[in-house]
N, C-alpha and C. Protein backbone atom coordinates (compact mmCIF):
# COMPACT_ATOMS: atom_id res chain seq x y z
N MET A 1 59.77 4.74 -51.69
CA MET A 1 59.80 3.33 -51.36
C MET A 1 59.88 3.13 -49.85
N SER A 2 60.69 3.96 -49.17
CA SER A 2 60.82 3.78 -47.72
C SER A 2 59.51 4.10 -47.01
N LYS A 3 58.72 5.04 -47.55
CA LYS A 3 57.41 5.35 -46.96
C LYS A 3 56.48 4.14 -47.10
N PHE A 4 56.54 3.51 -48.24
CA PHE A 4 55.73 2.32 -48.47
C PHE A 4 56.07 1.22 -47.48
N LEU A 5 57.34 0.98 -47.23
CA LEU A 5 57.76 -0.04 -46.27
C LEU A 5 57.34 0.32 -44.85
N MET A 6 57.45 1.59 -44.52
CA MET A 6 57.08 2.01 -43.17
C MET A 6 55.58 1.85 -42.96
N VAL A 7 54.75 2.25 -43.91
CA VAL A 7 53.30 2.10 -43.81
C VAL A 7 52.93 0.63 -43.76
N THR A 8 53.55 -0.17 -44.58
CA THR A 8 53.30 -1.61 -44.59
C THR A 8 53.69 -2.23 -43.24
N SER A 9 54.80 -1.83 -42.70
CA SER A 9 55.25 -2.36 -41.41
C SER A 9 54.27 -2.00 -40.30
N VAL A 10 53.78 -0.78 -40.30
CA VAL A 10 52.83 -0.35 -39.28
C VAL A 10 51.52 -1.13 -39.43
N CYS A 11 51.06 -1.29 -40.64
CA CYS A 11 49.82 -2.04 -40.88
C CYS A 11 49.92 -3.49 -40.44
N ILE A 12 51.09 -4.06 -40.58
CA ILE A 12 51.30 -5.45 -40.16
C ILE A 12 51.41 -5.53 -38.63
N LEU A 13 52.04 -4.57 -38.01
CA LEU A 13 52.25 -4.60 -36.57
C LEU A 13 50.99 -4.32 -35.76
N ILE A 14 50.07 -3.52 -36.28
CA ILE A 14 48.86 -3.18 -35.52
C ILE A 14 48.06 -4.42 -35.15
N PRO A 15 47.73 -5.30 -36.10
CA PRO A 15 46.97 -6.50 -35.69
C PRO A 15 47.73 -7.36 -34.68
N PHE A 16 49.04 -7.46 -34.82
CA PHE A 16 49.81 -8.26 -33.87
C PHE A 16 49.84 -7.63 -32.49
N SER A 17 49.84 -6.32 -32.43
CA SER A 17 49.86 -5.67 -31.12
C SER A 17 48.54 -5.89 -30.40
N SER A 18 47.40 -5.90 -31.12
CA SER A 18 46.13 -6.16 -30.44
C SER A 18 46.05 -7.62 -29.98
N LEU A 19 46.64 -8.53 -30.74
CA LEU A 19 46.69 -9.91 -30.30
C LEU A 19 47.54 -10.04 -29.03
N ASN A 20 48.61 -9.29 -28.99
CA ASN A 20 49.48 -9.31 -27.82
C ASN A 20 48.76 -8.79 -26.59
N LEU A 21 47.91 -7.76 -26.76
CA LEU A 21 47.15 -7.23 -25.62
C LEU A 21 46.18 -8.28 -25.09
N GLN A 22 45.51 -8.98 -26.00
CA GLN A 22 44.61 -10.05 -25.59
C GLN A 22 45.40 -11.13 -24.87
N ALA A 23 46.57 -11.45 -25.40
CA ALA A 23 47.39 -12.49 -24.79
C ALA A 23 47.86 -12.07 -23.40
N SER A 24 48.09 -10.78 -23.19
CA SER A 24 48.54 -10.31 -21.89
C SER A 24 47.49 -10.57 -20.81
N ILE A 25 46.24 -10.22 -21.06
CA ILE A 25 45.17 -10.48 -20.09
C ILE A 25 44.97 -11.99 -19.95
N SER A 26 44.98 -12.69 -21.07
CA SER A 26 44.82 -14.14 -21.04
C SER A 26 45.94 -14.79 -20.22
N ASN A 27 47.17 -14.34 -20.43
CA ASN A 27 48.30 -14.89 -19.67
C ASN A 27 48.19 -14.54 -18.19
N ASP A 28 47.80 -13.31 -17.89
CA ASP A 28 47.65 -12.92 -16.48
C ASP A 28 46.62 -13.80 -15.77
N ILE A 29 45.53 -14.09 -16.46
CA ILE A 29 44.50 -14.96 -15.87
C ILE A 29 45.03 -16.38 -15.73
N ALA A 30 45.68 -16.87 -16.77
CA ALA A 30 46.23 -18.24 -16.73
C ALA A 30 47.27 -18.40 -15.62
N ASN A 31 48.01 -17.33 -15.34
CA ASN A 31 49.04 -17.37 -14.30
C ASN A 31 48.51 -16.98 -12.92
N ASN A 32 47.19 -16.89 -12.80
CA ASN A 32 46.53 -16.53 -11.53
C ASN A 32 47.07 -15.22 -10.95
N GLU A 33 47.34 -14.26 -11.83
CA GLU A 33 47.81 -12.95 -11.37
C GLU A 33 46.67 -12.24 -10.64
N SER A 34 47.01 -11.31 -9.80
CA SER A 34 46.01 -10.54 -9.06
C SER A 34 45.28 -9.59 -10.01
N MET A 35 44.11 -9.12 -9.58
CA MET A 35 43.37 -8.15 -10.37
C MET A 35 44.19 -6.87 -10.53
N SER A 36 44.96 -6.54 -9.52
CA SER A 36 45.82 -5.36 -9.59
C SER A 36 46.80 -5.49 -10.75
N THR A 37 47.46 -6.62 -10.86
CA THR A 37 48.42 -6.86 -11.93
C THR A 37 47.72 -6.85 -13.29
N LEU A 38 46.57 -7.50 -13.35
CA LEU A 38 45.82 -7.59 -14.60
C LEU A 38 45.41 -6.19 -15.07
N PHE A 39 44.81 -5.39 -14.18
CA PHE A 39 44.36 -4.05 -14.57
C PHE A 39 45.53 -3.13 -14.87
N ASN A 40 46.58 -3.19 -14.06
CA ASN A 40 47.74 -2.33 -14.32
C ASN A 40 48.35 -2.61 -15.69
N GLY A 41 48.49 -3.87 -16.03
CA GLY A 41 49.03 -4.22 -17.35
C GLY A 41 48.13 -3.76 -18.47
N ALA A 42 46.82 -3.95 -18.29
CA ALA A 42 45.86 -3.56 -19.33
C ALA A 42 45.83 -2.04 -19.52
N LEU A 43 45.93 -1.31 -18.42
CA LEU A 43 45.91 0.15 -18.51
C LEU A 43 47.21 0.68 -19.12
N VAL A 44 48.33 0.04 -18.81
CA VAL A 44 49.60 0.42 -19.43
C VAL A 44 49.52 0.19 -20.94
N ASP A 45 48.81 -0.86 -21.34
CA ASP A 45 48.64 -1.17 -22.76
C ASP A 45 47.55 -0.30 -23.41
N SER A 46 47.02 0.65 -22.65
CA SER A 46 46.01 1.61 -23.13
C SER A 46 44.68 0.96 -23.53
N LEU A 47 44.31 -0.11 -22.85
CA LEU A 47 43.00 -0.70 -23.10
C LEU A 47 41.93 0.12 -22.38
N THR A 48 40.75 0.17 -22.97
CA THR A 48 39.63 0.85 -22.32
C THR A 48 39.03 -0.08 -21.28
N ILE A 49 38.24 0.48 -20.39
CA ILE A 49 37.55 -0.33 -19.37
C ILE A 49 36.70 -1.40 -20.05
N ASN A 50 35.99 -1.02 -21.09
CA ASN A 50 35.15 -1.97 -21.81
C ASN A 50 35.99 -3.11 -22.40
N ASP A 51 37.14 -2.77 -23.01
CA ASP A 51 38.02 -3.80 -23.58
C ASP A 51 38.52 -4.76 -22.50
N ILE A 52 38.87 -4.21 -21.35
CA ILE A 52 39.38 -5.04 -20.26
C ILE A 52 38.31 -6.06 -19.84
N PHE A 53 37.08 -5.57 -19.63
CA PHE A 53 36.02 -6.49 -19.19
C PHE A 53 35.66 -7.49 -20.27
N GLN A 54 35.65 -7.08 -21.53
CA GLN A 54 35.36 -8.02 -22.62
C GLN A 54 36.40 -9.13 -22.66
N GLN A 55 37.67 -8.76 -22.49
CA GLN A 55 38.72 -9.77 -22.54
C GLN A 55 38.70 -10.68 -21.32
N ILE A 56 38.44 -10.12 -20.15
CA ILE A 56 38.35 -10.96 -18.95
C ILE A 56 37.23 -11.98 -19.13
N ALA A 57 36.06 -11.50 -19.56
CA ALA A 57 34.91 -12.40 -19.72
C ALA A 57 35.14 -13.44 -20.81
N SER A 58 35.90 -13.08 -21.85
CA SER A 58 36.14 -14.05 -22.92
C SER A 58 37.07 -15.18 -22.46
N VAL A 59 37.90 -14.89 -21.46
CA VAL A 59 38.80 -15.93 -20.93
C VAL A 59 38.13 -16.71 -19.81
N ASP A 60 37.51 -15.99 -18.85
CA ASP A 60 36.85 -16.63 -17.72
C ASP A 60 35.80 -15.67 -17.16
N ALA A 61 34.56 -15.82 -17.62
CA ALA A 61 33.47 -14.91 -17.24
C ALA A 61 33.24 -14.88 -15.73
N SER A 62 33.56 -15.96 -15.03
CA SER A 62 33.32 -16.00 -13.59
C SER A 62 34.20 -15.00 -12.83
N LEU A 63 35.22 -14.46 -13.48
CA LEU A 63 36.07 -13.45 -12.85
C LEU A 63 35.50 -12.03 -12.96
N THR A 64 34.44 -11.87 -13.74
CA THR A 64 33.89 -10.53 -13.98
C THR A 64 33.40 -9.86 -12.70
N PRO A 65 32.68 -10.53 -11.80
CA PRO A 65 32.30 -9.85 -10.55
C PRO A 65 33.50 -9.40 -9.72
N GLU A 66 34.54 -10.24 -9.63
CA GLU A 66 35.75 -9.86 -8.90
C GLU A 66 36.41 -8.65 -9.55
N ALA A 67 36.47 -8.64 -10.87
CA ALA A 67 37.06 -7.51 -11.60
C ALA A 67 36.22 -6.25 -11.37
N THR A 68 34.91 -6.41 -11.30
CA THR A 68 34.03 -5.27 -11.04
C THR A 68 34.31 -4.69 -9.66
N GLY A 69 34.42 -5.56 -8.68
CA GLY A 69 34.74 -5.10 -7.33
C GLY A 69 36.07 -4.37 -7.28
N TYR A 70 37.07 -4.93 -7.93
CA TYR A 70 38.39 -4.29 -7.93
C TYR A 70 38.31 -2.91 -8.60
N ALA A 71 37.71 -2.86 -9.77
CA ALA A 71 37.67 -1.61 -10.54
C ALA A 71 36.85 -0.54 -9.83
N THR A 72 35.72 -0.91 -9.22
CA THR A 72 34.90 0.10 -8.54
C THR A 72 35.54 0.55 -7.24
N CYS A 73 36.08 -0.37 -6.46
CA CYS A 73 36.71 0.02 -5.19
C CYS A 73 37.94 0.89 -5.41
N ASN A 74 38.66 0.65 -6.49
CA ASN A 74 39.87 1.41 -6.78
C ASN A 74 39.64 2.56 -7.75
N LYS A 75 38.37 2.79 -8.10
CA LYS A 75 37.98 3.91 -8.96
C LYS A 75 38.82 3.98 -10.24
N ILE A 76 38.87 2.83 -10.93
CA ILE A 76 39.63 2.73 -12.18
C ILE A 76 38.97 3.57 -13.28
N GLY A 77 37.68 3.79 -13.16
CA GLY A 77 36.91 4.59 -14.11
C GLY A 77 35.65 5.06 -13.40
N THR A 78 34.69 5.60 -14.16
CA THR A 78 33.42 5.99 -13.54
C THR A 78 32.64 4.73 -13.19
N VAL A 79 31.78 4.85 -12.21
CA VAL A 79 30.98 3.69 -11.78
C VAL A 79 30.16 3.17 -12.94
N GLU A 80 29.47 4.07 -13.64
CA GLU A 80 28.62 3.64 -14.76
C GLU A 80 29.43 2.94 -15.85
N GLU A 81 30.63 3.46 -16.14
CA GLU A 81 31.48 2.86 -17.17
C GLU A 81 31.91 1.45 -16.76
N ILE A 82 32.32 1.31 -15.52
CA ILE A 82 32.78 0.01 -15.02
C ILE A 82 31.64 -1.00 -15.01
N VAL A 83 30.54 -0.62 -14.38
CA VAL A 83 29.45 -1.58 -14.19
C VAL A 83 28.76 -1.91 -15.51
N SER A 84 28.52 -0.93 -16.35
CA SER A 84 27.88 -1.24 -17.63
C SER A 84 28.80 -2.09 -18.51
N SER A 85 30.11 -1.87 -18.44
CA SER A 85 31.05 -2.71 -19.19
C SER A 85 31.02 -4.15 -18.66
N ALA A 86 30.96 -4.29 -17.35
CA ALA A 86 30.90 -5.63 -16.75
C ALA A 86 29.60 -6.33 -17.12
N PHE A 87 28.46 -5.59 -17.06
CA PHE A 87 27.17 -6.17 -17.44
C PHE A 87 27.19 -6.61 -18.90
N SER A 88 27.76 -5.79 -19.77
CA SER A 88 27.82 -6.13 -21.20
C SER A 88 28.70 -7.35 -21.45
N ALA A 89 29.79 -7.45 -20.71
CA ALA A 89 30.73 -8.56 -20.90
C ALA A 89 30.19 -9.89 -20.38
N ALA A 90 29.44 -9.85 -19.28
CA ALA A 90 28.93 -11.09 -18.68
C ALA A 90 27.50 -10.88 -18.19
N PRO A 91 26.54 -10.74 -19.10
CA PRO A 91 25.15 -10.45 -18.69
C PRO A 91 24.52 -11.53 -17.82
N SER A 92 24.97 -12.75 -17.96
CA SER A 92 24.40 -13.83 -17.14
C SER A 92 24.82 -13.72 -15.68
N LEU A 93 25.82 -12.90 -15.39
CA LEU A 93 26.31 -12.71 -14.01
C LEU A 93 25.91 -11.34 -13.47
N ALA A 94 24.84 -10.77 -14.00
CA ALA A 94 24.43 -9.41 -13.62
C ALA A 94 24.22 -9.26 -12.12
N LYS A 95 23.56 -10.20 -11.49
CA LYS A 95 23.30 -10.11 -10.04
C LYS A 95 24.61 -10.12 -9.26
N GLU A 96 25.52 -11.01 -9.62
CA GLU A 96 26.81 -11.11 -8.93
C GLU A 96 27.65 -9.86 -9.15
N ILE A 97 27.58 -9.31 -10.35
CA ILE A 97 28.31 -8.08 -10.67
C ILE A 97 27.76 -6.93 -9.83
N ALA A 98 26.43 -6.83 -9.75
CA ALA A 98 25.80 -5.77 -8.96
C ALA A 98 26.16 -5.91 -7.49
N ASP A 99 26.17 -7.13 -6.98
CA ASP A 99 26.52 -7.35 -5.57
C ASP A 99 27.97 -6.94 -5.29
N ALA A 100 28.87 -7.25 -6.22
CA ALA A 100 30.27 -6.86 -6.05
C ALA A 100 30.41 -5.34 -6.04
N ALA A 101 29.66 -4.68 -6.90
CA ALA A 101 29.71 -3.22 -6.95
C ALA A 101 29.12 -2.60 -5.68
N ARG A 102 28.05 -3.20 -5.16
CA ARG A 102 27.44 -2.71 -3.92
C ARG A 102 28.44 -2.75 -2.76
N GLU A 103 29.27 -3.78 -2.73
CA GLU A 103 30.27 -3.91 -1.66
C GLU A 103 31.26 -2.75 -1.67
N CYS A 104 31.38 -2.09 -2.80
CA CYS A 104 32.30 -0.94 -2.92
C CYS A 104 31.56 0.38 -2.85
N GLY A 105 30.31 0.34 -2.43
CA GLY A 105 29.56 1.58 -2.21
C GLY A 105 28.79 2.11 -3.40
N VAL A 106 28.65 1.33 -4.44
CA VAL A 106 27.90 1.79 -5.61
C VAL A 106 26.41 1.88 -5.22
N LEU A 107 25.79 2.99 -5.60
CA LEU A 107 24.39 3.24 -5.26
C LEU A 107 23.45 2.49 -6.20
N GLU A 108 22.24 2.22 -5.71
CA GLU A 108 21.25 1.50 -6.52
C GLU A 108 20.94 2.25 -7.81
N GLU A 109 20.84 3.56 -7.73
CA GLU A 109 20.55 4.36 -8.92
C GLU A 109 21.64 4.17 -9.97
N GLU A 110 22.90 4.14 -9.55
CA GLU A 110 24.01 3.93 -10.49
C GLU A 110 23.94 2.53 -11.10
N LEU A 111 23.58 1.55 -10.29
CA LEU A 111 23.44 0.19 -10.81
C LEU A 111 22.31 0.09 -11.82
N LEU A 112 21.19 0.72 -11.50
CA LEU A 112 20.04 0.67 -12.42
C LEU A 112 20.36 1.38 -13.73
N ASN A 113 21.02 2.53 -13.66
CA ASN A 113 21.41 3.24 -14.89
C ASN A 113 22.36 2.39 -15.72
N SER A 114 23.30 1.75 -15.07
CA SER A 114 24.26 0.90 -15.78
C SER A 114 23.57 -0.32 -16.39
N ALA A 115 22.63 -0.88 -15.66
CA ALA A 115 21.89 -2.04 -16.18
C ALA A 115 21.11 -1.65 -17.44
N LEU A 116 20.44 -0.52 -17.37
CA LEU A 116 19.69 -0.07 -18.54
C LEU A 116 20.60 0.22 -19.72
N ALA A 117 21.76 0.81 -19.45
CA ALA A 117 22.72 1.10 -20.52
C ALA A 117 23.23 -0.17 -21.18
N ALA A 118 23.28 -1.26 -20.44
CA ALA A 118 23.78 -2.53 -20.97
C ALA A 118 22.65 -3.48 -21.38
N ASN A 119 21.42 -2.96 -21.43
CA ASN A 119 20.24 -3.78 -21.79
C ASN A 119 20.01 -4.95 -20.84
N ILE A 120 20.26 -4.72 -19.56
CA ILE A 120 20.01 -5.72 -18.53
C ILE A 120 18.70 -5.35 -17.85
N ASP A 121 17.85 -6.34 -17.62
CA ASP A 121 16.60 -6.11 -16.91
C ASP A 121 16.91 -5.68 -15.48
N PRO A 122 16.54 -4.47 -15.08
CA PRO A 122 16.88 -3.98 -13.75
C PRO A 122 16.33 -4.83 -12.61
N THR A 123 15.26 -5.56 -12.85
CA THR A 123 14.70 -6.39 -11.77
C THR A 123 15.61 -7.56 -11.44
N THR A 124 16.54 -7.92 -12.33
CA THR A 124 17.43 -9.04 -12.04
C THR A 124 18.55 -8.64 -11.09
N ILE A 125 18.77 -7.34 -10.91
CA ILE A 125 19.88 -6.90 -10.07
C ILE A 125 19.43 -6.19 -8.81
N GLY A 126 18.13 -5.89 -8.71
CA GLY A 126 17.64 -5.09 -7.58
C GLY A 126 17.70 -5.83 -6.27
N GLU A 127 17.93 -5.05 -5.21
CA GLU A 127 17.89 -5.60 -3.86
C GLU A 127 16.44 -5.62 -3.38
N ALA A 128 16.13 -6.50 -2.44
CA ALA A 128 14.82 -6.51 -1.83
C ALA A 128 14.63 -5.22 -1.04
N THR A 129 13.43 -4.67 -1.10
CA THR A 129 13.15 -3.42 -0.40
C THR A 129 12.03 -3.62 0.61
N ALA A 130 11.83 -2.63 1.45
CA ALA A 130 10.75 -2.69 2.43
C ALA A 130 9.40 -2.66 1.74
N ALA A 131 9.34 -2.11 0.54
CA ALA A 131 8.08 -2.00 -0.19
C ALA A 131 7.72 -3.28 -0.93
N GLY A 132 8.55 -4.26 -0.93
CA GLY A 132 8.24 -5.49 -1.66
C GLY A 132 9.53 -6.25 -1.91
N GLY A 133 9.73 -6.61 -3.15
CA GLY A 133 10.98 -7.24 -3.55
C GLY A 133 11.26 -8.55 -2.85
N ASN A 134 10.47 -9.55 -3.15
CA ASN A 134 10.70 -10.87 -2.56
C ASN A 134 11.72 -11.64 -3.37
N ALA A 135 12.26 -12.67 -2.77
CA ALA A 135 13.17 -13.55 -3.48
C ALA A 135 12.45 -14.17 -4.65
N ALA A 136 13.15 -14.44 -5.71
CA ALA A 136 12.55 -14.99 -6.91
C ALA A 136 11.83 -16.30 -6.61
N GLY A 137 10.59 -16.38 -7.09
CA GLY A 137 9.82 -17.60 -6.94
C GLY A 137 9.15 -17.77 -5.60
N VAL A 138 9.28 -16.83 -4.69
CA VAL A 138 8.66 -16.95 -3.37
C VAL A 138 7.49 -16.00 -3.32
N ALA A 139 6.31 -16.53 -3.10
CA ALA A 139 5.11 -15.70 -3.04
C ALA A 139 5.04 -15.00 -1.69
N PRO A 140 4.64 -13.73 -1.69
CA PRO A 140 4.50 -13.02 -0.42
C PRO A 140 3.37 -13.59 0.40
N THR A 141 3.40 -13.36 1.71
CA THR A 141 2.34 -13.81 2.58
C THR A 141 1.05 -13.14 2.15
N GLY A 142 -0.03 -13.89 2.05
CA GLY A 142 -1.30 -13.33 1.63
C GLY A 142 -1.37 -13.13 0.12
N ALA A 143 -0.53 -13.83 -0.60
CA ALA A 143 -0.50 -13.66 -2.05
C ALA A 143 -1.74 -14.26 -2.68
N ILE A 144 -2.06 -13.80 -3.85
CA ILE A 144 -3.21 -14.32 -4.58
C ILE A 144 -2.93 -15.76 -4.96
N THR A 145 -3.85 -16.62 -4.64
CA THR A 145 -3.65 -18.04 -4.92
C THR A 145 -4.44 -18.51 -6.12
N GLY A 146 -5.33 -17.66 -6.63
CA GLY A 146 -6.16 -18.06 -7.74
C GLY A 146 -7.51 -18.56 -7.29
N SER A 147 -7.71 -18.82 -6.00
CA SER A 147 -9.00 -19.24 -5.48
C SER A 147 -9.88 -18.02 -5.28
N PRO A 148 -11.13 -18.10 -5.74
CA PRO A 148 -12.01 -16.95 -5.56
C PRO A 148 -12.35 -16.75 -4.09
N ILE A 149 -12.58 -15.52 -3.72
CA ILE A 149 -12.98 -15.19 -2.36
C ILE A 149 -14.48 -15.00 -2.39
N SER A 150 -15.20 -15.75 -1.53
CA SER A 150 -16.65 -15.60 -1.49
C SER A 150 -17.03 -14.61 -0.40
N PRO A 151 -18.01 -13.75 -0.68
CA PRO A 151 -18.42 -12.76 0.31
C PRO A 151 -19.14 -13.43 1.47
N PRO A 152 -19.16 -12.80 2.62
CA PRO A 152 -19.89 -13.39 3.75
C PRO A 152 -21.38 -13.39 3.45
N SER A 153 -22.08 -14.37 4.00
CA SER A 153 -23.52 -14.45 3.73
C SER A 153 -24.28 -13.69 4.81
N PHE A 154 -25.33 -12.99 4.38
CA PHE A 154 -26.19 -12.23 5.28
C PHE A 154 -27.60 -12.78 5.15
N SER A 155 -28.36 -12.65 6.19
CA SER A 155 -29.73 -13.15 6.17
C SER A 155 -30.65 -12.10 5.56
N THR A 156 -31.69 -12.58 4.91
CA THR A 156 -32.68 -11.68 4.33
C THR A 156 -33.84 -11.48 5.27
N GLY A 157 -33.78 -12.08 6.42
CA GLY A 157 -34.87 -11.95 7.39
C GLY A 157 -35.93 -13.00 7.24
N THR A 158 -35.79 -13.94 6.33
CA THR A 158 -36.79 -14.97 6.10
C THR A 158 -36.44 -16.26 6.79
N GLY A 159 -35.48 -16.24 7.62
CA GLY A 159 -35.10 -17.45 8.31
C GLY A 159 -33.65 -17.39 8.69
N GLY A 160 -33.26 -18.20 9.61
CA GLY A 160 -31.87 -18.23 10.05
C GLY A 160 -31.57 -17.01 10.91
N SER A 161 -30.34 -16.79 11.15
CA SER A 161 -29.98 -15.66 11.99
C SER A 161 -29.78 -14.43 11.13
N SER A 162 -29.97 -13.30 11.73
CA SER A 162 -29.78 -12.06 10.99
C SER A 162 -28.75 -11.21 11.72
N ILE A 163 -28.16 -10.31 10.99
CA ILE A 163 -27.18 -9.41 11.58
C ILE A 163 -27.89 -8.12 11.93
N THR A 164 -27.77 -7.71 13.17
CA THR A 164 -28.42 -6.49 13.63
C THR A 164 -27.39 -5.38 13.67
N PRO A 165 -27.69 -4.26 13.00
CA PRO A 165 -26.73 -3.17 13.03
C PRO A 165 -26.62 -2.59 14.44
N PRO A 166 -25.50 -2.00 14.80
CA PRO A 166 -25.37 -1.43 16.13
C PRO A 166 -26.28 -0.23 16.31
N SER A 167 -26.68 0.02 17.55
CA SER A 167 -27.57 1.13 17.87
C SER A 167 -26.77 2.42 17.86
N ILE A 168 -27.38 3.48 17.32
CA ILE A 168 -26.71 4.76 17.23
C ILE A 168 -27.00 5.61 18.46
N SER A 169 -28.14 5.39 19.10
CA SER A 169 -28.48 6.22 20.26
C SER A 169 -27.64 5.85 21.46
N ASP A 170 -27.41 6.84 22.29
CA ASP A 170 -26.61 6.65 23.49
C ASP A 170 -27.46 7.10 24.66
N SER A 171 -27.85 6.19 25.47
CA SER A 171 -28.77 6.52 26.57
C SER A 171 -28.09 7.29 27.69
N THR A 172 -26.79 7.33 27.73
CA THR A 172 -26.11 8.03 28.82
C THR A 172 -25.99 9.52 28.55
N GLY A 173 -26.28 9.96 27.36
CA GLY A 173 -26.20 11.38 27.07
C GLY A 173 -24.79 11.87 26.86
N SER A 174 -23.85 11.00 26.66
CA SER A 174 -22.47 11.44 26.49
C SER A 174 -22.13 11.59 25.01
N GLY A 175 -23.04 12.14 24.27
CA GLY A 175 -22.84 12.31 22.85
C GLY A 175 -22.05 13.54 22.51
N GLY A 176 -21.65 14.32 23.47
CA GLY A 176 -20.81 15.46 23.18
C GLY A 176 -21.60 16.74 23.04
N GLY A 177 -22.76 16.83 23.55
CA GLY A 177 -23.50 18.09 23.42
C GLY A 177 -24.80 18.04 24.19
N GLU A 178 -25.62 19.03 23.97
CA GLU A 178 -26.91 19.13 24.63
C GLU A 178 -27.88 18.12 24.03
N SER A 179 -28.92 17.90 24.72
CA SER A 179 -29.98 17.02 24.25
C SER A 179 -30.70 17.70 23.12
N ALA A 180 -31.19 16.92 22.16
CA ALA A 180 -31.89 17.47 21.01
C ALA A 180 -33.33 17.84 21.36
N SER A 181 -33.88 17.32 22.41
CA SER A 181 -35.27 17.62 22.75
C SER A 181 -35.32 18.86 23.65
N PRO A 182 -36.36 19.67 23.45
CA PRO A 182 -36.46 20.86 24.30
C PRO A 182 -36.72 20.50 25.73
N SER A 183 -36.18 21.25 26.63
CA SER A 183 -36.43 20.97 28.04
C SER A 183 -37.66 21.72 28.48
N THR A 184 -38.42 21.16 29.40
CA THR A 184 -39.66 21.77 29.86
C THR A 184 -39.60 22.25 31.25
């Protein structure tokens, strides 16, 4: 009988303890606690990085980039774990999350891997590069406008002006060698 009561007590307490963990992050956010306090409490409660970001985003998604910056700068977990958890928790803030991670030295390759792991389109988080990468909605200089390009017109010799090809012969003899005609 005592085993039955002990098992029943544990089964009842487990759901309440997870509610308490959610309440802890929720309370920390409501009380404007620092990210340090929020993460320390969550880690003491044995929450995973993914759980922490899911709970932060469920209370106030706009805090996810700040949480990403805190976690990456303080190396709370691996970069990929932190960033992919943040992307999964708040996918609409992917660009802001990536920017916060960049401020802490996260490499583009790590960001792209994390984006792919979280099913985020990597083009939404990429930085502009020398090879291209314009701001969204801004056409590059010389961009295709949809207007056809017409070739230049040349004369057929039946009227109008004609284009004369340049002469290949060089009368000064500075062609880089001897004359082609025999000397007499």
